[in-house]
Amino acid sequence: MSQTVFTGKVSQMKPDARWLASEDFIGLGEVEFEIGAIYQNSGEIMQDGKKKDFFSIGFVKTPKQLVLNATNRKTLSNAFGAKVDKWIGQKVRLFAQEGVRAVNGGVTAGVRIKADRVARDAPINPFAGMEAAK
């Protein structure tokens, strides 16, 4: 057996992980990423050994993806609109947040997204140009 002193980052302890996790952001604050793609994943075996279907976000210049949960999906759609192809190329900031509700009902740290732009693809007002009822 060999043993060496490790003084790196927590994220380096799991170099083969495909998914970004809150521990990747501890001590970093907000980190900017550019969205490269949105993926639909089917039958992915997760950390708990169960198969799961879900969406994820791929980023430019990093091999790790972020599993897209409901909170982050709503943040992105509020910022960039309902058309997912409009999210590609957008800049977002990821950060770790404590006190996130876990799937098992407890609380944990989670990755959150901040996105600044207001959605640009709002539907045209169907009532524009109509006279008010008298």
N, C-alpha and C. Protein backbone atom coordinates (compact mmCIF):
# COMPACT_ATOMS: atom_id res chain seq x y z
N MET A 1 0.84 -1.18 0.00
CA MET A 1 0.00 0.00 0.00
C MET A 1 0.89 1.24 0.00
N SER A 2 0.47 2.25 -0.76
CA SER A 2 1.20 3.51 -0.71
C SER A 2 0.26 4.60 -0.22
N GLN A 3 0.85 5.64 0.31
CA GLN A 3 0.06 6.73 0.88
C GLN A 3 0.80 8.03 0.67
N THR A 4 0.09 9.05 0.21
CA THR A 4 0.67 10.37 0.05
C THR A 4 -0.27 11.40 0.65
N VAL A 5 0.27 12.52 1.01
CA VAL A 5 -0.52 13.62 1.57
C VAL A 5 -1.25 14.31 0.41
N PHE A 6 -2.55 14.53 0.60
CA PHE A 6 -3.37 15.21 -0.41
C PHE A 6 -3.76 16.58 0.11
N THR A 7 -3.51 17.62 -0.68
CA THR A 7 -3.85 18.99 -0.26
C THR A 7 -4.67 19.72 -1.33
N GLY A 8 -5.30 18.96 -2.21
CA GLY A 8 -6.07 19.57 -3.30
C GLY A 8 -7.47 19.97 -2.87
N LYS A 9 -8.37 20.02 -3.86
CA LYS A 9 -9.76 20.42 -3.64
C LYS A 9 -10.64 19.18 -3.53
N VAL A 10 -11.79 19.35 -2.87
CA VAL A 10 -12.74 18.26 -2.71
C VAL A 10 -13.15 17.70 -4.07
N SER A 11 -13.36 18.57 -5.05
CA SER A 11 -13.79 18.11 -6.37
C SER A 11 -12.77 17.17 -7.02
N GLN A 12 -11.51 17.26 -6.62
CA GLN A 12 -10.48 16.37 -7.16
C GLN A 12 -10.53 14.98 -6.55
N MET A 13 -11.29 14.81 -5.47
CA MET A 13 -11.41 13.51 -4.82
C MET A 13 -12.34 12.58 -5.59
N LYS A 14 -13.10 13.14 -6.51
CA LYS A 14 -14.00 12.32 -7.33
C LYS A 14 -13.85 12.75 -8.79
N PRO A 15 -12.66 12.53 -9.36
CA PRO A 15 -12.36 13.04 -10.70
C PRO A 15 -13.18 12.41 -11.81
N ASP A 16 -13.74 11.22 -11.59
CA ASP A 16 -14.50 10.56 -12.64
C ASP A 16 -15.99 10.89 -12.60
N ALA A 17 -16.40 11.76 -11.67
CA ALA A 17 -17.82 12.12 -11.57
C ALA A 17 -18.26 12.91 -12.80
N ARG A 18 -19.43 12.56 -13.33
CA ARG A 18 -19.97 13.24 -14.50
C ARG A 18 -20.77 14.49 -14.14
N TRP A 19 -21.19 14.58 -12.88
CA TRP A 19 -22.14 15.62 -12.49
C TRP A 19 -21.52 16.61 -11.52
N LEU A 20 -21.83 17.88 -11.74
CA LEU A 20 -21.40 18.91 -10.79
C LEU A 20 -22.18 18.73 -9.49
N ALA A 21 -21.53 19.00 -8.38
CA ALA A 21 -22.16 18.87 -7.07
C ALA A 21 -21.84 20.09 -6.23
N SER A 22 -22.59 20.29 -5.17
CA SER A 22 -22.39 21.46 -4.33
C SER A 22 -20.97 21.54 -3.78
N GLU A 23 -20.38 20.41 -3.48
CA GLU A 23 -19.02 20.42 -2.92
C GLU A 23 -17.99 20.94 -3.92
N ASP A 24 -18.33 20.93 -5.22
CA ASP A 24 -17.42 21.49 -6.22
C ASP A 24 -17.31 23.01 -6.10
N PHE A 25 -18.27 23.64 -5.41
CA PHE A 25 -18.33 25.10 -5.33
C PHE A 25 -18.03 25.65 -3.94
N ILE A 26 -17.82 24.79 -2.97
CA ILE A 26 -17.56 25.26 -1.61
C ILE A 26 -16.32 26.13 -1.59
N GLY A 27 -16.46 27.31 -1.04
CA GLY A 27 -15.35 28.25 -0.93
C GLY A 27 -15.07 29.05 -2.18
N LEU A 28 -15.82 28.81 -3.26
CA LEU A 28 -15.58 29.52 -4.52
C LEU A 28 -16.54 30.67 -4.76
N GLY A 29 -17.65 30.70 -4.04
CA GLY A 29 -18.66 31.72 -4.33
C GLY A 29 -19.37 31.38 -5.63
N GLU A 30 -19.73 32.40 -6.40
CA GLU A 30 -20.41 32.19 -7.68
C GLU A 30 -19.37 32.00 -8.78
N VAL A 31 -19.59 30.98 -9.61
CA VAL A 31 -18.68 30.67 -10.71
C VAL A 31 -19.46 30.76 -12.02
N GLU A 32 -18.92 31.52 -12.98
CA GLU A 32 -19.62 31.72 -14.25
C GLU A 32 -19.36 30.58 -15.23
N PHE A 33 -20.42 30.16 -15.91
CA PHE A 33 -20.37 29.13 -16.94
C PHE A 33 -21.18 29.59 -18.13
N GLU A 34 -20.85 29.06 -19.30
CA GLU A 34 -21.64 29.29 -20.50
C GLU A 34 -22.35 27.98 -20.85
N ILE A 35 -23.65 28.05 -21.05
CA ILE A 35 -24.42 26.86 -21.38
C ILE A 35 -24.06 26.40 -22.79
N GLY A 36 -23.69 25.13 -22.90
CA GLY A 36 -23.30 24.57 -24.19
C GLY A 36 -24.38 23.71 -24.81
N ALA A 37 -25.16 23.00 -23.96
CA ALA A 37 -26.20 22.10 -24.47
C ALA A 37 -27.12 21.69 -23.33
N ILE A 38 -28.32 21.27 -23.70
CA ILE A 38 -29.25 20.67 -22.76
C ILE A 38 -29.44 19.23 -23.21
N TYR A 39 -29.36 18.30 -22.28
CA TYR A 39 -29.44 16.88 -22.60
C TYR A 39 -30.62 16.22 -21.90
N GLN A 40 -31.22 15.25 -22.57
CA GLN A 40 -32.23 14.40 -21.97
C GLN A 40 -31.57 13.07 -21.70
N ASN A 41 -31.52 12.66 -20.45
CA ASN A 41 -30.84 11.44 -20.03
C ASN A 41 -31.89 10.39 -19.66
N SER A 42 -31.72 9.18 -20.15
CA SER A 42 -32.66 8.10 -19.87
C SER A 42 -31.92 6.90 -19.29
N GLY A 43 -32.46 6.35 -18.23
CA GLY A 43 -31.90 5.14 -17.64
C GLY A 43 -30.51 5.31 -17.05
N GLU A 44 -30.18 6.52 -16.64
CA GLU A 44 -28.86 6.79 -16.04
C GLU A 44 -28.81 6.19 -14.63
N ILE A 45 -27.79 5.44 -14.33
CA ILE A 45 -27.63 4.88 -12.99
C ILE A 45 -26.99 5.94 -12.10
N MET A 46 -27.71 6.31 -11.07
CA MET A 46 -27.27 7.39 -10.18
C MET A 46 -26.46 6.84 -9.02
N GLN A 47 -26.00 7.75 -8.18
CA GLN A 47 -25.13 7.41 -7.05
C GLN A 47 -25.78 6.38 -6.12
N ASP A 48 -27.10 6.44 -5.98
CA ASP A 48 -27.80 5.49 -5.10
C ASP A 48 -28.05 4.14 -5.77
N GLY A 49 -27.59 3.99 -7.02
CA GLY A 49 -27.73 2.74 -7.74
C GLY A 49 -29.03 2.60 -8.51
N LYS A 50 -29.92 3.59 -8.40
CA LYS A 50 -31.21 3.54 -9.10
C LYS A 50 -31.10 4.19 -10.47
N LYS A 51 -31.89 3.67 -11.42
CA LYS A 51 -31.96 4.27 -12.75
C LYS A 51 -32.92 5.45 -12.71
N LYS A 52 -32.55 6.50 -13.44
CA LYS A 52 -33.36 7.70 -13.42
C LYS A 52 -33.36 8.36 -14.80
N ASP A 53 -34.48 8.98 -15.16
CA ASP A 53 -34.59 9.79 -16.37
C ASP A 53 -34.62 11.24 -15.94
N PHE A 54 -33.83 12.11 -16.59
CA PHE A 54 -33.76 13.51 -16.19
C PHE A 54 -33.11 14.33 -17.29
N PHE A 55 -33.14 15.64 -17.13
CA PHE A 55 -32.46 16.55 -18.03
C PHE A 55 -31.21 17.07 -17.34
N SER A 56 -30.21 17.44 -18.14
CA SER A 56 -28.99 18.01 -17.58
C SER A 56 -28.49 19.13 -18.49
N ILE A 57 -27.61 19.95 -17.93
CA ILE A 57 -27.02 21.06 -18.66
C ILE A 57 -25.55 20.77 -18.86
N GLY A 58 -25.10 20.89 -20.11
CA GLY A 58 -23.68 20.80 -20.42
C GLY A 58 -23.13 22.20 -20.57
N PHE A 59 -21.92 22.40 -20.12
CA PHE A 59 -21.30 23.72 -20.16
C PHE A 59 -20.07 23.71 -21.05
N VAL A 60 -19.78 24.86 -21.60
CA VAL A 60 -18.57 25.04 -22.41
C VAL A 60 -17.37 24.98 -21.46
N LYS A 61 -16.33 24.31 -21.86
CA LYS A 61 -15.05 24.23 -21.15
C LYS A 61 -15.08 23.45 -19.85
N THR A 62 -16.04 22.56 -19.66
CA THR A 62 -16.00 21.64 -18.53
C THR A 62 -16.69 20.34 -18.93
N PRO A 63 -16.12 19.21 -18.56
CA PRO A 63 -16.75 17.94 -18.93
C PRO A 63 -17.94 17.59 -18.03
N LYS A 64 -18.03 18.17 -16.85
CA LYS A 64 -19.12 17.85 -15.94
C LYS A 64 -20.39 18.59 -16.32
N GLN A 65 -21.50 17.91 -16.09
CA GLN A 65 -22.81 18.48 -16.35
C GLN A 65 -23.54 18.71 -15.03
N LEU A 66 -24.61 19.49 -15.10
CA LEU A 66 -25.44 19.75 -13.93
C LEU A 66 -26.80 19.11 -14.16
N VAL A 67 -27.21 18.24 -13.24
CA VAL A 67 -28.55 17.67 -13.30
C VAL A 67 -29.52 18.82 -13.09
N LEU A 68 -30.51 18.93 -13.98
CA LEU A 68 -31.42 20.07 -13.96
C LEU A 68 -32.63 19.75 -13.08
N ASN A 69 -32.66 20.35 -11.90
CA ASN A 69 -33.79 20.16 -11.00
C ASN A 69 -34.86 21.23 -11.27
N ALA A 70 -36.00 21.13 -10.61
CA ALA A 70 -37.12 22.04 -10.87
C ALA A 70 -36.76 23.50 -10.56
N THR A 71 -36.08 23.75 -9.46
CA THR A 71 -35.73 25.12 -9.09
C THR A 71 -34.83 25.77 -10.13
N ASN A 72 -33.80 25.07 -10.56
CA ASN A 72 -32.89 25.63 -11.56
C ASN A 72 -33.55 25.74 -12.93
N ARG A 73 -34.43 24.80 -13.26
CA ARG A 73 -35.17 24.88 -14.53
C ARG A 73 -36.04 26.14 -14.55
N LYS A 74 -36.71 26.44 -13.46
CA LYS A 74 -37.56 27.64 -13.38
C LYS A 74 -36.71 28.90 -13.46
N THR A 75 -35.56 28.90 -12.84
CA THR A 75 -34.65 30.06 -12.92
C THR A 75 -34.25 30.32 -14.37
N LEU A 76 -33.89 29.27 -15.09
CA LEU A 76 -33.47 29.42 -16.48
C LEU A 76 -34.63 29.86 -17.38
N SER A 77 -35.80 29.28 -17.19
CA SER A 77 -36.92 29.67 -18.05
C SER A 77 -37.38 31.09 -17.75
N ASN A 78 -37.31 31.52 -16.51
CA ASN A 78 -37.65 32.91 -16.19
C ASN A 78 -36.66 33.89 -16.79
N ALA A 79 -35.40 33.49 -16.87
CA ALA A 79 -34.37 34.38 -17.39
C ALA A 79 -34.30 34.37 -18.91
N PHE A 80 -34.40 33.19 -19.51
CA PHE A 80 -34.12 33.06 -20.94
C PHE A 80 -35.31 32.61 -21.78
N GLY A 81 -36.41 32.29 -21.15
CA GLY A 81 -37.61 31.92 -21.88
C GLY A 81 -37.85 30.42 -21.90
N ALA A 82 -39.00 30.05 -22.44
CA ALA A 82 -39.44 28.66 -22.46
C ALA A 82 -38.79 27.83 -23.55
N LYS A 83 -38.22 28.46 -24.55
CA LYS A 83 -37.57 27.72 -25.64
C LYS A 83 -36.14 27.38 -25.24
N VAL A 84 -35.92 26.12 -24.95
CA VAL A 84 -34.64 25.67 -24.41
C VAL A 84 -33.48 25.99 -25.34
N ASP A 85 -33.70 26.01 -26.65
CA ASP A 85 -32.59 26.32 -27.56
C ASP A 85 -32.08 27.74 -27.36
N LYS A 86 -32.88 28.62 -26.75
CA LYS A 86 -32.45 29.99 -26.46
C LYS A 86 -31.51 30.05 -25.26
N TRP A 87 -31.43 28.97 -24.50
CA TRP A 87 -30.53 28.92 -23.34
C TRP A 87 -29.08 28.72 -23.77
N ILE A 88 -28.88 28.11 -24.93
CA ILE A 88 -27.53 27.79 -25.40
C ILE A 88 -26.75 29.09 -25.63
N GLY A 89 -25.54 29.14 -25.09
CA GLY A 89 -24.69 30.32 -25.22
C GLY A 89 -24.90 31.35 -24.12
N GLN A 90 -25.90 31.17 -23.29
CA GLN A 90 -26.16 32.12 -22.20
C GLN A 90 -25.16 31.89 -21.06
N LYS A 91 -24.81 32.96 -20.39
CA LYS A 91 -23.91 32.88 -19.23
C LYS A 91 -24.75 32.82 -17.96
N VAL A 92 -24.37 31.92 -17.08
CA VAL A 92 -25.02 31.75 -15.79
C VAL A 92 -23.95 31.64 -14.72
N ARG A 93 -24.35 31.81 -13.47
CA ARG A 93 -23.44 31.63 -12.34
C ARG A 93 -23.98 30.51 -11.47
N LEU A 94 -23.10 29.58 -11.12
CA LEU A 94 -23.46 28.47 -10.24
C LEU A 94 -22.82 28.70 -8.88
N PHE A 95 -23.53 28.27 -7.84
CA PHE A 95 -23.00 28.40 -6.48
C PHE A 95 -23.63 27.34 -5.59
N ALA A 96 -22.98 27.07 -4.46
CA ALA A 96 -23.51 26.12 -3.48
C ALA A 96 -24.41 26.87 -2.52
N GLN A 97 -25.57 26.26 -2.23
CA GLN A 97 -26.50 26.85 -1.27
C GLN A 97 -26.85 25.81 -0.22
N GLU A 98 -26.71 26.18 1.03
CA GLU A 98 -27.09 25.29 2.14
C GLU A 98 -28.60 25.33 2.34
N GLY A 99 -29.14 24.27 2.95
CA GLY A 99 -30.55 24.25 3.31
C GLY A 99 -31.49 23.90 2.18
N VAL A 100 -31.00 23.22 1.16
CA VAL A 100 -31.83 22.81 0.03
C VAL A 100 -32.55 21.52 0.41
N ARG A 101 -33.83 21.45 0.08
CA ARG A 101 -34.61 20.26 0.41
C ARG A 101 -34.12 19.08 -0.43
N ALA A 102 -33.83 17.99 0.22
CA ALA A 102 -33.33 16.79 -0.46
C ALA A 102 -34.50 15.90 -0.88
N VAL A 103 -34.25 15.00 -1.81
CA VAL A 103 -35.27 14.08 -2.30
C VAL A 103 -35.83 13.23 -1.17
N ASN A 104 -34.99 12.87 -0.19
CA ASN A 104 -35.43 12.02 0.91
C ASN A 104 -36.16 12.79 2.01
N GLY A 105 -36.40 14.09 1.80
CA GLY A 105 -37.14 14.89 2.77
C GLY A 105 -36.27 15.69 3.71
N GLY A 106 -34.99 15.38 3.78
CA GLY A 106 -34.08 16.13 4.64
C GLY A 106 -33.61 17.40 3.95
N VAL A 107 -32.58 18.00 4.50
CA VAL A 107 -31.98 19.17 3.87
C VAL A 107 -30.50 18.90 3.63
N THR A 108 -29.98 19.53 2.60
CA THR A 108 -28.60 19.32 2.21
C THR A 108 -28.10 20.58 1.52
N ALA A 109 -26.89 20.55 1.03
CA ALA A 109 -26.39 21.64 0.18
C ALA A 109 -26.72 21.26 -1.26
N GLY A 110 -26.97 22.27 -2.08
CA GLY A 110 -27.29 22.01 -3.48
C GLY A 110 -26.67 23.07 -4.36
N VAL A 111 -26.63 22.79 -5.65
CA VAL A 111 -26.13 23.75 -6.63
C VAL A 111 -27.31 24.58 -7.11
N ARG A 112 -27.14 25.88 -7.10
CA ARG A 112 -28.16 26.80 -7.60
C ARG A 112 -27.59 27.61 -8.75
N ILE A 113 -28.51 28.10 -9.59
CA ILE A 113 -28.15 28.90 -10.75
C ILE A 113 -28.65 30.32 -10.56
N LYS A 114 -27.82 31.28 -10.95
CA LYS A 114 -28.24 32.67 -11.07
C LYS A 114 -28.13 33.04 -12.54
N ALA A 115 -29.18 33.66 -13.04
CA ALA A 115 -29.21 34.09 -14.44
C ALA A 115 -29.88 35.45 -14.46
N ASP A 116 -29.29 36.42 -15.16
CA ASP A 116 -29.75 37.80 -15.07
C ASP A 116 -30.72 38.26 -16.13
N ARG A 117 -30.65 37.70 -17.33
CA ARG A 117 -31.44 38.24 -18.42
C ARG A 117 -32.92 37.91 -18.28
N VAL A 118 -33.75 38.86 -18.63
CA VAL A 118 -35.19 38.65 -18.60
C VAL A 118 -35.58 37.89 -19.87
N ALA A 119 -36.54 37.01 -19.75
CA ALA A 119 -36.98 36.20 -20.89
C ALA A 119 -37.37 37.10 -22.06
N ARG A 120 -36.91 36.73 -23.26
CA ARG A 120 -37.14 37.53 -24.46
C ARG A 120 -38.20 36.94 -25.38
N ASP A 121 -38.69 35.74 -25.11
CA ASP A 121 -39.60 35.11 -26.05
C ASP A 121 -41.03 35.08 -25.53
N ALA A 122 -41.43 36.11 -24.80
CA ALA A 122 -42.80 36.17 -24.31
C ALA A 122 -43.75 36.20 -25.50
N PRO A 123 -44.90 35.56 -25.36
CA PRO A 123 -45.83 35.56 -26.48
C PRO A 123 -46.38 36.96 -26.73
N ILE A 124 -46.77 37.19 -27.95
CA ILE A 124 -47.37 38.48 -28.31
C ILE A 124 -48.72 38.58 -27.61
N ASN A 125 -49.02 39.75 -27.08
CA ASN A 125 -50.27 39.97 -26.37
C ASN A 125 -51.45 39.72 -27.32
N PRO A 126 -52.27 38.72 -27.05
CA PRO A 126 -53.38 38.42 -27.96
C PRO A 126 -54.49 39.47 -27.89
N PHE A 127 -54.42 40.34 -26.90
CA PHE A 127 -55.45 41.36 -26.74
C PHE A 127 -55.03 42.71 -27.28
N ALA A 128 -53.80 42.81 -27.79
CA ALA A 128 -53.31 44.10 -28.33
C ALA A 128 -54.18 44.53 -29.49
N GLY A 129 -54.55 45.80 -29.52
CA GLY A 129 -55.32 46.36 -30.62
C GLY A 129 -56.82 46.20 -30.47
N MET A 130 -57.24 45.47 -29.46
CA MET A 130 -58.68 45.29 -29.25
C MET A 130 -59.22 46.47 -28.47
N GLU A 131 -60.39 46.90 -28.80
CA GLU A 131 -61.01 48.00 -28.07
C GLU A 131 -61.54 47.45 -26.75
N ALA A 132 -61.54 48.30 -25.74
CA ALA A 132 -62.08 47.91 -24.46
C ALA A 132 -63.59 47.75 -24.56
N ALA A 133 -64.11 46.76 -23.86
CA ALA A 133 -65.57 46.54 -23.83
C ALA A 133 -66.24 47.70 -23.13
N LYS A 134 -67.41 48.11 -23.66
CA LYS A 134 -68.14 49.24 -23.08
C LYS A 134 -69.41 48.80 -22.43
